[in-house]
Amino acid sequence: METSVKVLIVAGMLSLTCGLLLGIPMAQARMKGPAAPRLLTNVHLEALIQGAVLLGLAVAAGFSALPSGLETTAAYLLAVACALGLAGGTTNWLQSVDDPFKAKSPGFMLQAASGPVNIVGAALLLIGVLKAL
């Protein structure tokens, strides 16, 4: 199995596990009131969705015709972007940030940093997939 596929599978499973673990404080919040905090709900869903996306991208990486080093770089970029996004969302929730965009909170900065990293990783992998056609 290629290194890029392994990286994406591990990152995907870590993200899914993070999302599942965030379900615990969500359930605790729901036991006390009608809704969980919005930012907790966001990061919980983000972790679950990103985990599924990374696992799907593992299939794309296996199909890619990029040189091994570039493909592995793309996989690491996508994994790092996921980690930055989840760290930012979790930070915003733990700091009870009302509006991360307005506050320009540390969590916002982490999430903002994840965007360009995600785009570069996804673009590289897309090139590899298109090259394989």
N, C-alpha and C. Protein backbone atom coordinates (compact mmCIF):
# COMPACT_ATOMS: atom_id res chain seq x y z
N MET A 1 0.85 -1.18 0.00
CA MET A 1 0.00 0.00 0.00
C MET A 1 0.89 1.25 0.00
N GLU A 2 0.52 2.21 -0.81
CA GLU A 2 1.30 3.43 -0.95
C GLU A 2 1.27 4.27 0.33
N THR A 3 2.34 5.00 0.56
CA THR A 3 2.43 5.86 1.75
C THR A 3 1.30 6.88 1.78
N SER A 4 0.98 7.47 0.64
CA SER A 4 -0.08 8.48 0.62
C SER A 4 -1.42 7.90 1.07
N VAL A 5 -1.71 6.70 0.65
CA VAL A 5 -2.96 6.04 1.04
C VAL A 5 -2.96 5.79 2.55
N LYS A 6 -1.84 5.34 3.07
CA LYS A 6 -1.74 5.09 4.51
C LYS A 6 -1.94 6.39 5.31
N VAL A 7 -1.31 7.47 4.84
CA VAL A 7 -1.43 8.76 5.53
C VAL A 7 -2.90 9.20 5.57
N LEU A 8 -3.58 9.09 4.43
CA LEU A 8 -4.98 9.52 4.38
C LEU A 8 -5.90 8.63 5.21
N ILE A 9 -5.62 7.35 5.24
CA ILE A 9 -6.43 6.44 6.06
C ILE A 9 -6.23 6.74 7.54
N VAL A 10 -5.00 6.91 7.95
CA VAL A 10 -4.73 7.21 9.37
C VAL A 10 -5.35 8.56 9.75
N ALA A 11 -5.15 9.58 8.91
CA ALA A 11 -5.71 10.90 9.20
C ALA A 11 -7.24 10.84 9.23
N GLY A 12 -7.83 10.09 8.32
CA GLY A 12 -9.28 9.95 8.29
C GLY A 12 -9.81 9.27 9.55
N MET A 13 -9.13 8.23 9.98
CA MET A 13 -9.57 7.53 11.20
C MET A 13 -9.38 8.40 12.44
N LEU A 14 -8.29 9.17 12.48
CA LEU A 14 -8.09 10.08 13.61
C LEU A 14 -9.18 11.15 13.65
N SER A 15 -9.54 11.67 12.49
CA SER A 15 -10.59 12.68 12.42
C SER A 15 -11.94 12.09 12.85
N LEU A 16 -12.26 10.91 12.34
CA LEU A 16 -13.52 10.26 12.75
C LEU A 16 -13.54 10.00 14.25
N THR A 17 -12.44 9.54 14.79
CA THR A 17 -12.36 9.28 16.24
C THR A 17 -12.55 10.58 17.02
N CYS A 18 -11.92 11.66 16.56
CA CYS A 18 -12.09 12.97 17.20
C CYS A 18 -13.56 13.37 17.17
N GLY A 19 -14.21 13.20 16.03
CA GLY A 19 -15.63 13.54 15.92
C GLY A 19 -16.50 12.72 16.86
N LEU A 20 -16.19 11.44 16.96
CA LEU A 20 -16.96 10.58 17.86
C LEU A 20 -16.75 10.99 19.32
N LEU A 21 -15.50 11.31 19.67
CA LEU A 21 -15.21 11.74 21.04
C LEU A 21 -15.89 13.07 21.37
N LEU A 22 -15.99 13.96 20.38
CA LEU A 22 -16.68 15.23 20.60
C LEU A 22 -18.18 15.02 20.81
N GLY A 23 -18.66 13.85 20.44
CA GLY A 23 -20.06 13.52 20.71
C GLY A 23 -20.35 13.38 22.20
N ILE A 24 -19.33 13.10 22.99
CA ILE A 24 -19.53 12.96 24.44
C ILE A 24 -19.92 14.29 25.08
N PRO A 25 -19.12 15.37 24.89
CA PRO A 25 -19.58 16.64 25.47
C PRO A 25 -20.86 17.15 24.83
N MET A 26 -21.12 16.77 23.58
CA MET A 26 -22.40 17.16 22.97
C MET A 26 -23.56 16.51 23.70
N ALA A 27 -23.43 15.23 23.98
CA ALA A 27 -24.49 14.51 24.69
C ALA A 27 -24.66 15.08 26.10
N GLN A 28 -23.55 15.41 26.75
CA GLN A 28 -23.64 16.00 28.09
C GLN A 28 -24.36 17.34 28.05
N ALA A 29 -24.07 18.15 27.05
CA ALA A 29 -24.74 19.45 26.91
C ALA A 29 -26.23 19.26 26.63
N ARG A 30 -26.57 18.27 25.84
CA ARG A 30 -27.97 18.01 25.51
C ARG A 30 -28.74 17.48 26.71
N MET A 31 -28.06 16.82 27.63
CA MET A 31 -28.73 16.34 28.85
C MET A 31 -29.13 17.52 29.73
N LYS A 32 -28.40 18.64 29.60
CA LYS A 32 -28.66 19.81 30.45
C LYS A 32 -29.58 20.84 29.79
N GLY A 33 -29.74 20.76 28.47
CA GLY A 33 -30.54 21.77 27.80
C GLY A 33 -30.98 21.31 26.42
N PRO A 34 -31.73 22.18 25.74
CA PRO A 34 -32.31 21.78 24.45
C PRO A 34 -31.31 21.72 23.29
N ALA A 35 -30.12 22.30 23.45
CA ALA A 35 -29.18 22.31 22.34
C ALA A 35 -27.74 22.31 22.85
N ALA A 36 -26.87 21.75 22.04
CA ALA A 36 -25.44 21.80 22.34
C ALA A 36 -24.90 23.13 21.82
N PRO A 37 -23.77 23.60 22.35
CA PRO A 37 -23.18 24.83 21.83
C PRO A 37 -22.94 24.73 20.32
N ARG A 38 -23.21 25.81 19.61
CA ARG A 38 -23.09 25.83 18.15
C ARG A 38 -21.69 25.45 17.68
N LEU A 39 -20.65 26.00 18.31
CA LEU A 39 -19.29 25.71 17.86
C LEU A 39 -18.89 24.27 18.14
N LEU A 40 -19.42 23.68 19.20
CA LEU A 40 -19.17 22.26 19.48
C LEU A 40 -19.84 21.41 18.41
N THR A 41 -21.06 21.75 18.07
CA THR A 41 -21.77 21.02 17.01
C THR A 41 -21.01 21.13 15.69
N ASN A 42 -20.53 22.34 15.39
CA ASN A 42 -19.78 22.54 14.15
C ASN A 42 -18.52 21.68 14.08
N VAL A 43 -17.72 21.69 15.15
CA VAL A 43 -16.46 20.95 15.11
C VAL A 43 -16.72 19.43 15.13
N HIS A 44 -17.78 19.00 15.81
CA HIS A 44 -18.16 17.59 15.81
C HIS A 44 -18.48 17.13 14.39
N LEU A 45 -19.33 17.89 13.71
CA LEU A 45 -19.70 17.55 12.33
C LEU A 45 -18.51 17.67 11.38
N GLU A 46 -17.70 18.71 11.58
CA GLU A 46 -16.52 18.91 10.74
C GLU A 46 -15.59 17.70 10.83
N ALA A 47 -15.38 17.21 12.02
CA ALA A 47 -14.49 16.06 12.21
C ALA A 47 -15.04 14.82 11.52
N LEU A 48 -16.33 14.59 11.65
CA LEU A 48 -16.93 13.42 11.01
C LEU A 48 -16.89 13.53 9.49
N ILE A 49 -17.22 14.70 8.97
CA ILE A 49 -17.22 14.89 7.52
C ILE A 49 -15.80 14.81 6.96
N GLN A 50 -14.86 15.50 7.61
CA GLN A 50 -13.48 15.47 7.12
C GLN A 50 -12.90 14.05 7.19
N GLY A 51 -13.27 13.30 8.21
CA GLY A 51 -12.80 11.92 8.30
C GLY A 51 -13.27 11.11 7.11
N ALA A 52 -14.54 11.25 6.78
CA ALA A 52 -15.08 10.52 5.62
C ALA A 52 -14.43 10.99 4.32
N VAL A 53 -14.21 12.29 4.20
CA VAL A 53 -13.57 12.84 3.00
C VAL A 53 -12.15 12.30 2.87
N LEU A 54 -11.39 12.29 3.95
CA LEU A 54 -10.01 11.78 3.89
C LEU A 54 -9.99 10.30 3.51
N LEU A 55 -10.92 9.53 4.03
CA LEU A 55 -10.98 8.12 3.66
C LEU A 55 -11.32 7.97 2.17
N GLY A 56 -12.20 8.82 1.67
CA GLY A 56 -12.50 8.81 0.24
C GLY A 56 -11.31 9.22 -0.59
N LEU A 57 -10.56 10.20 -0.12
CA LEU A 57 -9.37 10.65 -0.84
C LEU A 57 -8.28 9.58 -0.87
N ALA A 58 -8.33 8.65 0.09
CA ALA A 58 -7.38 7.53 0.05
C ALA A 58 -7.59 6.70 -1.22
N VAL A 59 -8.84 6.58 -1.63
CA VAL A 59 -9.14 5.87 -2.88
C VAL A 59 -8.58 6.65 -4.06
N ALA A 60 -8.79 7.98 -4.03
CA ALA A 60 -8.27 8.83 -5.11
C ALA A 60 -6.74 8.75 -5.18
N ALA A 61 -6.09 8.73 -4.03
CA ALA A 61 -4.63 8.65 -4.00
C ALA A 61 -4.15 7.33 -4.60
N GLY A 62 -4.89 6.27 -4.36
CA GLY A 62 -4.53 4.98 -4.95
C GLY A 62 -4.68 4.97 -6.46
N PHE A 63 -5.55 5.84 -6.97
CA PHE A 63 -5.80 5.94 -8.40
C PHE A 63 -4.85 6.92 -9.08
N SER A 64 -4.27 7.82 -8.30
CA SER A 64 -3.45 8.91 -8.82
C SER A 64 -2.20 8.41 -9.55
N ALA A 65 -1.81 9.19 -10.57
CA ALA A 65 -0.60 8.86 -11.34
C ALA A 65 0.54 9.85 -11.03
N LEU A 66 0.47 10.51 -9.89
CA LEU A 66 1.54 11.41 -9.49
C LEU A 66 2.76 10.60 -9.06
N PRO A 67 3.95 11.19 -9.17
CA PRO A 67 5.12 10.54 -8.57
C PRO A 67 4.88 10.36 -7.07
N SER A 68 5.42 9.34 -6.51
CA SER A 68 5.17 8.97 -5.12
C SER A 68 5.41 10.12 -4.14
N GLY A 69 6.48 10.87 -4.32
CA GLY A 69 6.80 11.96 -3.41
C GLY A 69 5.75 13.06 -3.43
N LEU A 70 5.27 13.42 -4.61
CA LEU A 70 4.24 14.45 -4.72
C LEU A 70 2.91 13.98 -4.13
N GLU A 71 2.61 12.73 -4.39
CA GLU A 71 1.37 12.14 -3.87
C GLU A 71 1.39 12.11 -2.34
N THR A 72 2.51 11.74 -1.78
CA THR A 72 2.65 11.71 -0.32
C THR A 72 2.59 13.13 0.25
N THR A 73 3.19 14.09 -0.45
CA THR A 73 3.11 15.49 -0.03
C THR A 73 1.66 15.95 0.00
N ALA A 74 0.90 15.62 -1.04
CA ALA A 74 -0.52 15.99 -1.10
C ALA A 74 -1.28 15.38 0.08
N ALA A 75 -0.99 14.13 0.38
CA ALA A 75 -1.68 13.45 1.49
C ALA A 75 -1.36 14.13 2.82
N TYR A 76 -0.09 14.45 3.03
CA TYR A 76 0.29 15.13 4.28
C TYR A 76 -0.34 16.52 4.37
N LEU A 77 -0.39 17.23 3.26
CA LEU A 77 -1.02 18.56 3.26
C LEU A 77 -2.50 18.44 3.64
N LEU A 78 -3.19 17.47 3.09
CA LEU A 78 -4.61 17.28 3.40
C LEU A 78 -4.80 16.88 4.87
N ALA A 79 -3.91 16.05 5.38
CA ALA A 79 -4.00 15.64 6.79
C ALA A 79 -3.73 16.82 7.72
N VAL A 80 -2.72 17.63 7.39
CA VAL A 80 -2.40 18.81 8.20
C VAL A 80 -3.55 19.81 8.16
N ALA A 81 -4.13 20.01 6.99
CA ALA A 81 -5.25 20.94 6.86
C ALA A 81 -6.42 20.50 7.74
N CYS A 82 -6.69 19.21 7.76
CA CYS A 82 -7.75 18.67 8.60
C CYS A 82 -7.43 18.93 10.07
N ALA A 83 -6.20 18.67 10.47
CA ALA A 83 -5.80 18.88 11.87
C ALA A 83 -5.91 20.35 12.25
N LEU A 84 -5.49 21.25 11.37
CA LEU A 84 -5.59 22.69 11.66
C LEU A 84 -7.05 23.11 11.82
N GLY A 85 -7.91 22.64 10.93
CA GLY A 85 -9.32 22.98 11.01
C GLY A 85 -9.96 22.49 12.30
N LEU A 86 -9.66 21.25 12.66
CA LEU A 86 -10.24 20.69 13.89
C LEU A 86 -9.66 21.35 15.14
N ALA A 87 -8.38 21.64 15.11
CA ALA A 87 -7.77 22.34 16.25
C ALA A 87 -8.38 23.73 16.41
N GLY A 88 -8.59 24.41 15.29
CA GLY A 88 -9.21 25.73 15.34
C GLY A 88 -10.63 25.69 15.85
N GLY A 89 -11.41 24.76 15.33
CA GLY A 89 -12.80 24.64 15.78
C GLY A 89 -12.91 24.28 17.25
N THR A 90 -12.05 23.38 17.68
CA THR A 90 -12.05 22.98 19.09
C THR A 90 -11.63 24.15 19.99
N THR A 91 -10.62 24.89 19.54
CA THR A 91 -10.16 26.06 20.29
C THR A 91 -11.29 27.09 20.43
N ASN A 92 -11.98 27.35 19.33
CA ASN A 92 -13.10 28.31 19.38
C ASN A 92 -14.17 27.85 20.37
N TRP A 93 -14.48 26.56 20.34
CA TRP A 93 -15.50 26.04 21.25
C TRP A 93 -15.02 26.16 22.71
N LEU A 94 -13.80 25.73 22.98
CA LEU A 94 -13.29 25.76 24.36
C LEU A 94 -13.17 27.19 24.90
N GLN A 95 -12.91 28.15 24.01
CA GLN A 95 -12.79 29.54 24.43
C GLN A 95 -14.13 30.28 24.36
N SER A 96 -15.18 29.57 24.01
CA SER A 96 -16.53 30.16 23.90
C SER A 96 -16.55 31.42 23.05
N VAL A 97 -15.91 31.33 21.90
CA VAL A 97 -15.87 32.47 20.98
C VAL A 97 -17.24 32.59 20.31
N ASP A 98 -17.85 33.76 20.42
CA ASP A 98 -19.17 33.95 19.82
C ASP A 98 -19.10 33.99 18.29
N ASP A 99 -18.21 34.82 17.77
CA ASP A 99 -18.09 34.98 16.32
C ASP A 99 -16.60 34.95 15.96
N PRO A 100 -16.09 33.76 15.58
CA PRO A 100 -14.66 33.64 15.29
C PRO A 100 -14.18 34.61 14.21
N PHE A 101 -15.01 34.87 13.20
CA PHE A 101 -14.61 35.80 12.13
C PHE A 101 -14.41 37.20 12.68
N LYS A 102 -15.35 37.65 13.48
CA LYS A 102 -15.27 39.01 14.04
C LYS A 102 -14.13 39.11 15.06
N ALA A 103 -14.00 38.10 15.91
CA ALA A 103 -13.01 38.14 16.98
C ALA A 103 -11.59 37.89 16.48
N LYS A 104 -11.46 37.30 15.28
CA LYS A 104 -10.13 36.90 14.78
C LYS A 104 -9.38 36.12 15.85
N SER A 105 -10.11 35.16 16.43
CA SER A 105 -9.59 34.35 17.53
C SER A 105 -8.46 33.44 17.08
N PRO A 106 -7.70 32.89 18.03
CA PRO A 106 -6.66 31.91 17.66
C PRO A 106 -7.25 30.73 16.88
N GLY A 107 -8.43 30.30 17.26
CA GLY A 107 -9.08 29.21 16.53
C GLY A 107 -9.39 29.60 15.10
N PHE A 108 -9.84 30.83 14.91
CA PHE A 108 -10.09 31.33 13.56
C PHE A 108 -8.81 31.31 12.74
N MET A 109 -7.72 31.73 13.34
CA MET A 109 -6.44 31.78 12.62
C MET A 109 -6.00 30.37 12.19
N LEU A 110 -6.21 29.38 13.07
CA LEU A 110 -5.88 28.00 12.71
C LEU A 110 -6.76 27.52 11.55
N GLN A 111 -8.05 27.82 11.65
CA GLN A 111 -8.96 27.40 10.58
C GLN A 111 -8.63 28.13 9.27
N ALA A 112 -8.30 29.40 9.36
CA ALA A 112 -7.95 30.16 8.15
C ALA A 112 -6.68 29.59 7.51
N ALA A 113 -5.74 29.16 8.33
CA ALA A 113 -4.51 28.57 7.80
C ALA A 113 -4.78 27.24 7.10
N SER A 114 -5.82 26.56 7.51
CA SER A 114 -6.12 25.26 6.90
C SER A 114 -6.58 25.38 5.45
N GLY A 115 -7.20 26.50 5.10
CA GLY A 115 -7.76 26.67 3.76
C GLY A 115 -6.74 26.53 2.64
N PRO A 116 -5.70 27.37 2.63
CA PRO A 116 -4.71 27.26 1.55
C PRO A 116 -4.01 25.90 1.52
N VAL A 117 -3.76 25.33 2.68
CA VAL A 117 -3.10 24.02 2.75
C VAL A 117 -4.00 22.97 2.12
N ASN A 118 -5.29 23.05 2.42
CA ASN A 118 -6.27 22.12 1.85
C ASN A 118 -6.32 22.25 0.33
N ILE A 119 -6.34 23.49 -0.15
CA ILE A 119 -6.44 23.73 -1.59
C ILE A 119 -5.23 23.17 -2.34
N VAL A 120 -4.05 23.40 -1.80
CA VAL A 120 -2.84 22.89 -2.47
C VAL A 120 -2.84 21.35 -2.47
N GLY A 121 -3.16 20.74 -1.34
CA GLY A 121 -3.19 19.28 -1.28
C GLY A 121 -4.23 18.68 -2.22
N ALA A 122 -5.42 19.28 -2.24
CA ALA A 122 -6.48 18.78 -3.11
C ALA A 122 -6.13 18.98 -4.58
N ALA A 123 -5.52 20.13 -4.90
CA ALA A 123 -5.13 20.41 -6.30
C ALA A 123 -4.09 19.39 -6.78
N LEU A 124 -3.11 19.11 -5.93
CA LEU A 124 -2.09 18.12 -6.31
C LEU A 124 -2.73 16.76 -6.58
N LEU A 125 -3.60 16.34 -5.68
CA LEU A 125 -4.23 15.04 -5.84
C LEU A 125 -5.14 15.03 -7.07
N LEU A 126 -5.83 16.13 -7.33
CA LEU A 126 -6.67 16.22 -8.53
C LEU A 126 -5.83 16.07 -9.79
N ILE A 127 -4.69 16.72 -9.82
CA ILE A 127 -3.79 16.60 -10.97
C ILE A 127 -3.40 15.14 -11.18
N GLY A 128 -3.09 14.46 -10.08
CA GLY A 128 -2.72 13.05 -10.18
C GLY A 128 -3.85 12.18 -10.69
N VAL A 129 -5.06 12.47 -10.25
CA VAL A 129 -6.22 11.70 -10.70
C VAL A 129 -6.48 11.98 -12.18
N LEU A 130 -6.43 13.25 -12.58
CA LEU A 130 -6.65 13.58 -13.98
C LEU A 130 -5.57 12.99 -14.87
N LYS A 131 -4.35 12.97 -14.37
CA LYS A 131 -3.23 12.39 -15.11
C LYS A 131 -3.43 10.89 -15.32
N ALA A 132 -4.12 10.23 -14.41
CA ALA A 132 -4.34 8.79 -14.49
C ALA A 132 -5.40 8.43 -15.52
N LEU A 133 -6.19 9.40 -15.95
CA LEU A 133 -7.26 9.08 -16.92
C LEU A 133 -6.73 8.75 -18.29
